[in-house]
PDB file of N, CA and C in Angstrom:
ATOM      1  N   UNK A   1     113.383 116.839 -23.542  1.00  0.00           N
ATOM      2  CA  UNK A   1     114.370 118.082 -23.082  1.00  0.00           C
ATOM      3  C   UNK A   1     113.546 118.683 -22.025  1.00  0.00           C
ATOM      4  N   UNK A   2     112.425 118.892 -22.049  1.00  0.00           N
ATOM      5  CA  UNK A   2     112.106 119.187 -20.678  1.00  0.00           C
ATOM      6  C   UNK A   2     111.578 118.332 -19.322  1.00  0.00           C
ATOM      7  N   UNK A   3     111.258 117.226 -19.578  1.00  0.00           N
ATOM      8  CA  UNK A   3     111.640 116.216 -18.960  1.00  0.00           C
ATOM      9  C   UNK A   3     113.074 116.499 -18.168  1.00  0.00           C
ATOM     10  N   UNK A   4     114.046 116.402 -19.133  1.00  0.00           N
ATOM     11  CA  UNK A   4     115.439 116.339 -18.400  1.00  0.00           C
ATOM     12  C   UNK A   4     115.446 117.630 -17.375  1.00  0.00           C
ATOM     13  N   UNK A   5     115.087 118.636 -17.997  1.00  0.00           N
ATOM     14  CA  UNK A   5     115.107 119.867 -17.140  1.00  0.00           C
ATOM     15  C   UNK A   5     114.890 119.964 -15.842  1.00  0.00           C
ATOM     16  N   UNK A   6     113.397 118.874 -15.678  1.00  0.00           N
ATOM     17  CA  UNK A   6     112.700 118.695 -14.420  1.00  0.00           C
ATOM     18  C   UNK A   6     113.670 117.918 -13.590  1.00  0.00           C
ATOM     19  N   UNK A   7     113.989 116.746 -14.226  1.00  0.00           N
ATOM     20  CA  UNK A   7     115.059 115.887 -13.260  1.00  0.00           C
ATOM     21  C   UNK A   7     116.284 116.414 -13.085  1.00  0.00           C
ATOM     22  N   UNK A   8     116.744 117.469 -13.461  1.00  0.00           N
ATOM     23  CA  UNK A   8     117.899 118.308 -13.111  1.00  0.00           C
ATOM     24  C   UNK A   8     117.689 118.749 -11.917  1.00  0.00           C
ATOM     25  N   UNK A   9     116.618 119.980 -11.987  1.00  0.00           N
ATOM     26  CA  UNK A   9     115.875 120.792 -11.159  1.00  0.00           C
ATOM     27  C   UNK A   9     115.819 120.010  -9.781  1.00  0.00           C
ATOM     28  N   UNK A  10     114.700 118.722  -9.788  1.00  0.00           N
ATOM     29  CA  UNK A  10     114.844 117.944  -8.746  1.00  0.00           C
ATOM     30  C   UNK A  10     116.354 117.229  -8.241  1.00  0.00           C
ATOM     31  N   UNK A  11     117.423 116.959  -8.506  1.00  0.00           N
ATOM     32  CA  UNK A  11     118.429 116.379  -8.310  1.00  0.00           C
ATOM     33  C   UNK A  11     119.119 117.504  -7.797  1.00  0.00           C
ATOM     34  N   UNK A  12     118.715 118.626  -7.989  1.00  0.00           N
ATOM     35  CA  UNK A  12     119.956 120.200  -7.556  1.00  0.00           C
ATOM     36  C   UNK A  12     119.075 120.198  -6.064  1.00  0.00           C
ATOM     37  N   UNK A  13     117.718 120.287  -6.290  1.00  0.00           N
ATOM     38  CA  UNK A  13     117.003 120.350  -4.853  1.00  0.00           C
ATOM     39  C   UNK A  13     117.546 119.136  -4.002  1.00  0.00           C
ATOM     40  N   UNK A  14     117.521 118.179  -4.246  1.00  0.00           N
ATOM     41  CA  UNK A  14     117.735 116.782  -3.708  1.00  0.00           C
ATOM     42  C   UNK A  14     119.446 116.977  -2.912  1.00  0.00           C
ATOM     43  N   UNK A  15     120.217 117.593  -3.540  1.00  0.00           N
ATOM     44  CA  UNK A  15     121.572 117.500  -3.477  1.00  0.00           C
ATOM     45  C   UNK A  15     121.837 118.904  -2.680  1.00  0.00           C
ATOM     46  N   UNK A  16     121.183 119.930  -2.775  1.00  0.00           N
ATOM     47  CA  UNK A  16     121.937 121.193  -2.007  1.00  0.00           C
ATOM     48  C   UNK A  16     120.661 121.734  -1.459  1.00  0.00           C
ATOM     49  N   UNK A  17     119.524 121.630  -1.197  1.00  0.00           N
ATOM     50  CA  UNK A  17     118.371 122.411  -0.893  1.00  0.00           C
ATOM     51  C   UNK A  17     117.880 121.491   0.280  1.00  0.00           C
ATOM     52  N   UNK A  18     117.831 120.250   0.452  1.00  0.00           N
ATOM     53  CA  UNK A  18     117.413 119.564   1.390  1.00  0.00           C
ATOM     54  C   UNK A  18     117.683 119.600   2.992  1.00  0.00           C
ATOM     55  N   UNK A  19     118.797 120.149   2.729  1.00  0.00           N
ATOM     56  CA  UNK A  19     120.099 120.412   4.017  1.00  0.00           C
ATOM     57  C   UNK A  19     119.182 121.609   4.811  1.00  0.00           C
ATOM     58  N   UNK A  20     118.608 122.846   3.894  1.00  0.00           N
ATOM     59  CA  UNK A  20     118.021 124.068   4.657  1.00  0.00           C
ATOM     60  C   UNK A  20     116.473 123.489   5.011  1.00  0.00           C
ATOM     61  N   UNK A  21     116.180 122.593   4.633  1.00  0.00           N
ATOM     62  CA  UNK A  21     114.481 122.450   5.221  1.00  0.00           C
ATOM     63  C   UNK A  21     114.308 121.006   6.184  1.00  0.00           C
ATOM     64  N   UNK A  22     113.289 121.457   6.901  1.00  0.00           N
ATOM     65  CA  UNK A  22     113.003 120.121   7.996  1.00  0.00           C
ATOM     66  C   UNK A  22     112.851 119.325   6.792  1.00  0.00           C
ATOM     67  N   UNK A  23     113.292 118.230   7.812  1.00  0.00           N
ATOM     68  CA  UNK A  23     112.694 116.606   6.922  1.00  0.00           C
ATOM     69  C   UNK A  23     111.654 116.218   7.471  1.00  0.00           C
ATOM     70  N   UNK A  24     110.262 116.228   7.186  1.00  0.00           N
ATOM     71  CA  UNK A  24     109.142 115.726   7.770  1.00  0.00           C
ATOM     72  C   UNK A  24     108.046 115.064   6.910  1.00  0.00           C
ATOM     73  N   UNK A  25     108.651 114.303   5.557  1.00  0.00           N
ATOM     74  CA  UNK A  25     107.724 113.982   4.764  1.00  0.00           C
ATOM     75  C   UNK A  25     107.166 112.933   5.104  1.00  0.00           C
ATOM     76  N   UNK A  26     105.571 112.668   5.318  1.00  0.00           N
ATOM     77  CA  UNK A  26     104.784 111.827   5.686  1.00  0.00           C
ATOM     78  C   UNK A  26     104.691 110.778   4.872  1.00  0.00           C
ATOM     79  N   UNK A  27     105.226 110.792   3.606  1.00  0.00           N
ATOM     80  CA  UNK A  27     105.051 109.725   2.351  1.00  0.00           C
ATOM     81  C   UNK A  27     106.415 108.903   2.329  1.00  0.00           C
ATOM     82  N   UNK A  28     105.982 107.662   1.916  1.00  0.00           N
ATOM     83  CA  UNK A  28     107.268 106.908   1.234  1.00  0.00           C
ATOM     84  C   UNK A  28     106.937 106.536   0.211  1.00  0.00           C
ATOM     85  N   UNK A  29     107.884 106.638  -0.865  1.00  0.00           N
ATOM     86  CA  UNK A  29     108.937 107.473  -0.952  1.00  0.00           C
ATOM     87  C   UNK A  29     108.735 109.085  -0.754  1.00  0.00           C
ATOM     88  N   UNK A  30     109.923 109.767  -0.215  1.00  0.00           N
ATOM     89  CA  UNK A  30     109.996 111.062  -0.164  1.00  0.00           C
ATOM     90  C   UNK A  30     109.437 112.024  -1.392  1.00  0.00           C
ATOM     91  N   UNK A  31     108.563 112.992  -1.464  1.00  0.00           N
ATOM     92  CA  UNK A  31     108.423 113.941  -2.047  1.00  0.00           C
ATOM     93  C   UNK A  31     109.007 114.153  -3.506  1.00  0.00           C
ATOM     94  N   UNK A  32     110.352 114.534  -3.043  1.00  0.00           N
ATOM     95  CA  UNK A  32     111.259 114.378  -4.081  1.00  0.00           C
ATOM     96  C   UNK A  32     111.721 113.541  -5.170  1.00  0.00           C
ATOM     97  N   UNK A  33     111.821 112.139  -3.852  1.00  0.00           N
ATOM     98  CA  UNK A  33     111.919 110.854  -4.579  1.00  0.00           C
ATOM     99  C   UNK A  33     110.865 110.502  -5.812  1.00  0.00           C
ATOM    100  N   UNK A  34     109.742 111.201  -5.275  1.00  0.00           N
ATOM    101  CA  UNK A  34     108.419 110.624  -5.880  1.00  0.00           C
ATOM    102  C   UNK A  34     108.553 111.243  -7.281  1.00  0.00           C
ATOM    103  N   UNK A  35     108.763 112.505  -7.154  1.00  0.00           N
ATOM    104  CA  UNK A  35     109.021 113.331  -8.244  1.00  0.00           C
ATOM    105  C   UNK A  35     109.945 112.926  -9.218  1.00  0.00           C
ATOM    106  N   UNK A  36     110.890 112.752  -9.193  1.00  0.00           N
ATOM    107  CA  UNK A  36     112.028 112.072 -10.071  1.00  0.00           C
ATOM    108  C   UNK A  36     111.448 110.668 -10.407  1.00  0.00           C
ATOM    109  N   UNK A  37     110.991 109.698  -9.858  1.00  0.00           N
ATOM    110  CA  UNK A  37     110.346 108.602 -10.300  1.00  0.00           C
ATOM    111  C   UNK A  37     109.522 108.635 -11.255  1.00  0.00           C
ATOM    112  N   UNK A  38     108.542 109.604 -11.003  1.00  0.00           N
ATOM    113  CA  UNK A  38     107.639 109.907 -12.090  1.00  0.00           C
ATOM    114  C   UNK A  38     107.890 110.718 -13.008  1.00  0.00           C
ATOM    115  N   UNK A  39     108.896 111.559 -13.243  1.00  0.00           N
ATOM    116  CA  UNK A  39     109.444 112.030 -14.351  1.00  0.00           C
ATOM    117  C   UNK A  39     110.282 110.860 -15.399  1.00  0.00           C
ATOM    118  N   UNK A  40     111.033 110.051 -14.576  1.00  0.00           N
ATOM    119  CA  UNK A  40     111.766 108.858 -15.050  1.00  0.00           C
ATOM    120  C   UNK A  40     110.729 107.812 -15.713  1.00  0.00           C
ATOM    121  N   UNK A  41     109.761 107.822 -15.186  1.00  0.00           N
ATOM    122  CA  UNK A  41     108.668 106.716 -15.531  1.00  0.00           C
ATOM    123  C   UNK A  41     107.610 107.059 -16.719  1.00  0.00           C
ATOM    124  N   UNK A  42     107.051 108.105 -16.589  1.00  0.00           N
ATOM    125  CA  UNK A  42     106.006 109.106 -17.549  1.00  0.00           C
ATOM    126  C   UNK A  42     106.349 110.165 -18.181  1.00  0.00           C
ATOM    127  N   UNK A  43     105.431 110.903 -18.961  1.00  0.00           N
ATOM    128  CA  UNK A  43     106.087 111.245 -19.916  1.00  0.00           C
ATOM    129  C   UNK A  43     105.568 112.861 -19.221  1.00  0.00           C
ATOM    130  N   UNK A  44     106.148 113.842 -19.772  1.00  0.00           N
ATOM    131  CA  UNK A  44     106.193 115.204 -18.532  1.00  0.00           C
ATOM    132  C   UNK A  44     104.960 115.819 -18.173  1.00  0.00           C
ATOM    133  N   UNK A  45     103.921 115.728 -18.988  1.00  0.00           N
ATOM    134  CA  UNK A  45     102.683 116.030 -18.710  1.00  0.00           C
ATOM    135  C   UNK A  45     102.101 115.415 -17.360  1.00  0.00           C
ATOM    136  N   UNK A  46     101.914 114.124 -17.561  1.00  0.00           N
ATOM    137  CA  UNK A  46     101.525 112.923 -16.897  1.00  0.00           C
ATOM    138  C   UNK A  46     102.249 113.121 -15.423  1.00  0.00           C
ATOM    139  N   UNK A  47     103.601 113.560 -15.487  1.00  0.00           N
ATOM    140  CA  UNK A  47     104.173 113.378 -14.236  1.00  0.00           C
ATOM    141  C   UNK A  47     104.011 114.866 -13.635  1.00  0.00           C
ATOM    142  N   UNK A  48     104.040 115.595 -14.582  1.00  0.00           N
ATOM    143  CA  UNK A  48     103.924 117.391 -13.767  1.00  0.00           C
ATOM    144  C   UNK A  48     102.641 116.868 -12.870  1.00  0.00           C
ATOM    145  N   UNK A  49     101.596 116.683 -13.261  1.00  0.00           N
ATOM    146  CA  UNK A  49     100.005 116.172 -12.607  1.00  0.00           C
ATOM    147  C   UNK A  49     100.408 115.746 -11.555  1.00  0.00           C
ATOM    148  N   UNK A  50     100.863 114.440 -11.221  1.00  0.00           N
ATOM    149  CA  UNK A  50     101.065 113.217 -10.553  1.00  0.00           C
ATOM    150  C   UNK A  50     101.963 113.996  -9.528  1.00  0.00           C
ATOM    151  N   UNK A  51     102.928 114.977  -9.347  1.00  0.00           N
ATOM    152  CA  UNK A  51     103.669 115.190  -8.315  1.00  0.00           C
ATOM    153  C   UNK A  51     103.023 116.593  -7.783  1.00  0.00           C
ATOM    154  N   UNK A  52     101.974 117.356  -8.741  1.00  0.00           N
ATOM    155  CA  UNK A  52     101.235 118.396  -8.406  1.00  0.00           C
ATOM    156  C   UNK A  52     100.155 118.077  -7.176  1.00  0.00           C
ATOM    157  N   UNK A  53      99.933 116.792  -7.613  1.00  0.00           N
ATOM    158  CA  UNK A  53      98.501 116.118  -6.641  1.00  0.00           C
ATOM    159  C   UNK A  53      99.283 115.535  -5.506  1.00  0.00           C
ATOM    160  N   UNK A  54     100.475 114.818  -5.565  1.00  0.00           N
ATOM    161  CA  UNK A  54     101.170 114.364  -4.268  1.00  0.00           C
ATOM    162  C   UNK A  54     101.868 115.645  -3.299  1.00  0.00           C
ATOM    163  N   UNK A  55     101.947 116.504  -3.707  1.00  0.00           N
ATOM    164  CA  UNK A  55     102.124 117.923  -3.041  1.00  0.00           C
ATOM    165  C   UNK A  55     101.280 118.023  -2.467  1.00  0.00           C
ATOM    166  N   UNK A  56     100.090 118.401  -3.073  1.00  0.00           N
ATOM    167  CA  UNK A  56      98.864 119.097  -2.530  1.00  0.00           C
ATOM    168  C   UNK A  56      98.599 117.899  -1.147  1.00  0.00           C
ATOM    169  N   UNK A  57      98.696 116.798  -1.350  1.00  0.00           N
ATOM    170  CA  UNK A  57      98.180 115.885  -0.527  1.00  0.00           C
ATOM    171  C   UNK A  57      99.276 116.095   0.806  1.00  0.00           C
ATOM    172  N   UNK A  58     100.217 116.449   0.847  1.00  0.00           N
ATOM    173  CA  UNK A  58     101.513 116.277   1.396  1.00  0.00           C
ATOM    174  C   UNK A  58     100.982 117.513   2.731  1.00  0.00           C
ATOM    175  N   UNK A  59     100.508 117.136   3.852  1.00  0.00           N
ATOM    176  CA  UNK A  59     100.311 117.759   4.876  1.00  0.00           C
ATOM    177  C   UNK A  59     100.113 117.326   5.714  1.00  0.00           C
ATOM    178  N   UNK A  60      99.676 118.003   7.057  1.00  0.00           N
ATOM    179  CA  UNK A  60      99.237 117.001   8.463  1.00  0.00           C
ATOM    180  C   UNK A  60      97.917 116.737   8.391  1.00  0.00           C
ATOM    181  N   UNK A  61      97.199 116.912   7.607  1.00  0.00           N
ATOM    182  CA  UNK A  61      95.690 116.406   7.664  1.00  0.00           C
ATOM    183  C   UNK A  61      95.569 115.301   6.955  1.00  0.00           C
ATOM    184  N   UNK A  62      96.787 114.799   6.060  1.00  0.00           N
ATOM    185  CA  UNK A  62      96.771 112.943   5.580  1.00  0.00           C
ATOM    186  C   UNK A  62      97.586 112.423   6.365  1.00  0.00           C
ATOM    187  N   UNK A  63      97.026 111.317   6.310  1.00  0.00           N
ATOM    188  CA  UNK A  63      97.884 110.149   7.371  1.00  0.00           C
ATOM    189  C   UNK A  63      99.358 109.535   6.629  1.00  0.00           C
ATOM    190  N   UNK A  64      99.366 110.029   5.661  1.00  0.00           N
ATOM    191  CA  UNK A  64     100.558 109.391   4.574  1.00  0.00           C
ATOM    192  C   UNK A  64     100.971 108.133   4.478  1.00  0.00           C
ATOM    193  N   UNK A  65     101.978 107.595   4.144  1.00  0.00           N
ATOM    194  CA  UNK A  65     102.206 106.159   4.390  1.00  0.00           C
ATOM    195  C   UNK A  65     102.733 105.961   2.853  1.00  0.00           C
ATOM    196  N   UNK A  66     102.942 104.439   2.555  1.00  0.00           N
ATOM    197  CA  UNK A  66     103.631 103.957   1.021  1.00  0.00           C
ATOM    198  C   UNK A  66     102.516 104.248   0.159  1.00  0.00           C
ATOM    199  N   UNK A  67     103.268 105.299  -0.815  1.00  0.00           N
ATOM    200  CA  UNK A  67     102.786 106.012  -2.165  1.00  0.00           C
ATOM    201  C   UNK A  67     103.594 106.067  -2.808  1.00  0.00           C
ATOM    202  N   UNK A  68     103.636 104.867  -4.069  1.00  0.00           N
ATOM    203  CA  UNK A  68     104.692 104.868  -5.257  1.00  0.00           C
ATOM    204  C   UNK A  68     103.753 105.595  -6.269  1.00  0.00           C
ATOM    205  N   UNK A  69     104.514 105.651  -7.125  1.00  0.00           N
ATOM    206  CA  UNK A  69     104.157 106.073  -8.491  1.00  0.00           C
ATOM    207  C   UNK A  69     103.346 105.026  -8.703  1.00  0.00           C
ATOM    208  N   UNK A  70     102.083 105.464  -9.523  1.00  0.00           N
ATOM    209  CA  UNK A  70     101.277 104.273  -9.867  1.00  0.00           C
ATOM    210  C   UNK A  70     102.285 103.537 -11.277  1.00  0.00           C
ATOM    211  N   UNK A  71     101.637 102.090 -11.340  1.00  0.00           N
ATOM    212  CA  UNK A  71     102.183 101.775 -12.372  1.00  0.00           C
ATOM    213  C   UNK A  71     101.518 101.752 -13.862  1.00  0.00           C
ATOM    214  N   UNK A  72     100.366 101.765 -13.564  1.00  0.00           N
ATOM    215  CA  UNK A  72      98.967 102.056 -14.552  1.00  0.00           C
ATOM    216  C   UNK A  72      98.561 103.343 -15.134  1.00  0.00           C
ATOM    217  N   UNK A  73      97.914 103.509 -16.025  1.00  0.00           N
ATOM    218  CA  UNK A  73      97.837 105.346 -16.250  1.00  0.00           C
ATOM    219  C   UNK A  73      96.581 105.514 -15.887  1.00  0.00           C
ATOM    220  N   UNK A  74      95.559 104.761 -14.685  1.00  0.00           N
ATOM    221  CA  UNK A  74      94.619 104.981 -14.470  1.00  0.00           C
ATOM    222  C   UNK A  74      94.327 106.010 -14.030  1.00  0.00           C
ATOM    223  N   UNK A  75      93.267 106.989 -14.556  1.00  0.00           N
ATOM    224  CA  UNK A  75      92.865 108.207 -14.186  1.00  0.00           C
ATOM    225  C   UNK A  75      92.341 107.842 -12.614  1.00  0.00           C
ATOM    226  N   UNK A  76      91.257 106.995 -12.453  1.00  0.00           N
ATOM    227  CA  UNK A  76      90.658 106.747 -11.328  1.00  0.00           C
ATOM    228  C   UNK A  76      91.562 106.440 -10.459  1.00  0.00           C
ATOM    229  N   UNK A  77      92.657 105.501 -10.397  1.00  0.00           N
ATOM    230  CA  UNK A  77      94.005 105.260  -9.396  1.00  0.00           C
ATOM    231  C   UNK A  77      94.046 106.184  -8.711  1.00  0.00           C
ATOM    232  N   UNK A  78      94.785 107.175  -9.571  1.00  0.00           N
ATOM    233  CA  UNK A  78      95.495 108.441  -8.744  1.00  0.00           C
ATOM    234  C   UNK A  78      94.266 109.660  -8.273  1.00  0.00           C
ATOM    235  N   UNK A  79      93.250 109.487  -8.441  1.00  0.00           N
ATOM    236  CA  UNK A  79      92.420 110.336  -7.653  1.00  0.00           C
ATOM    237  C   UNK A  79      91.768 109.980  -6.574  1.00  0.00           C
ATOM    238  N   UNK A  80      91.524 108.612  -6.379  1.00  0.00           N
ATOM    239  CA  UNK A  80      91.305 107.773  -5.228  1.00  0.00           C
ATOM    240  C   UNK A  80      92.536 107.666  -4.018  1.00  0.00           C
TER     241      UNK A  80
END
């Protein structure tokens, strides 16, 4: 239930609010697509922490690049 609420919020953001913000995501897939995929693949708590970790890394100090949602639930892999 909470998972569906987060998915609907992300879809609302992608459909209506992305036009108001400058598109300059340094990652592929974009942060909103990453969040949507994380909530579809993982349970709510893990997906929430994955999205927060991704948003913290989404800045000009990071080189960016291809960063998909991890397939295995290894904590080491997420933090490196």
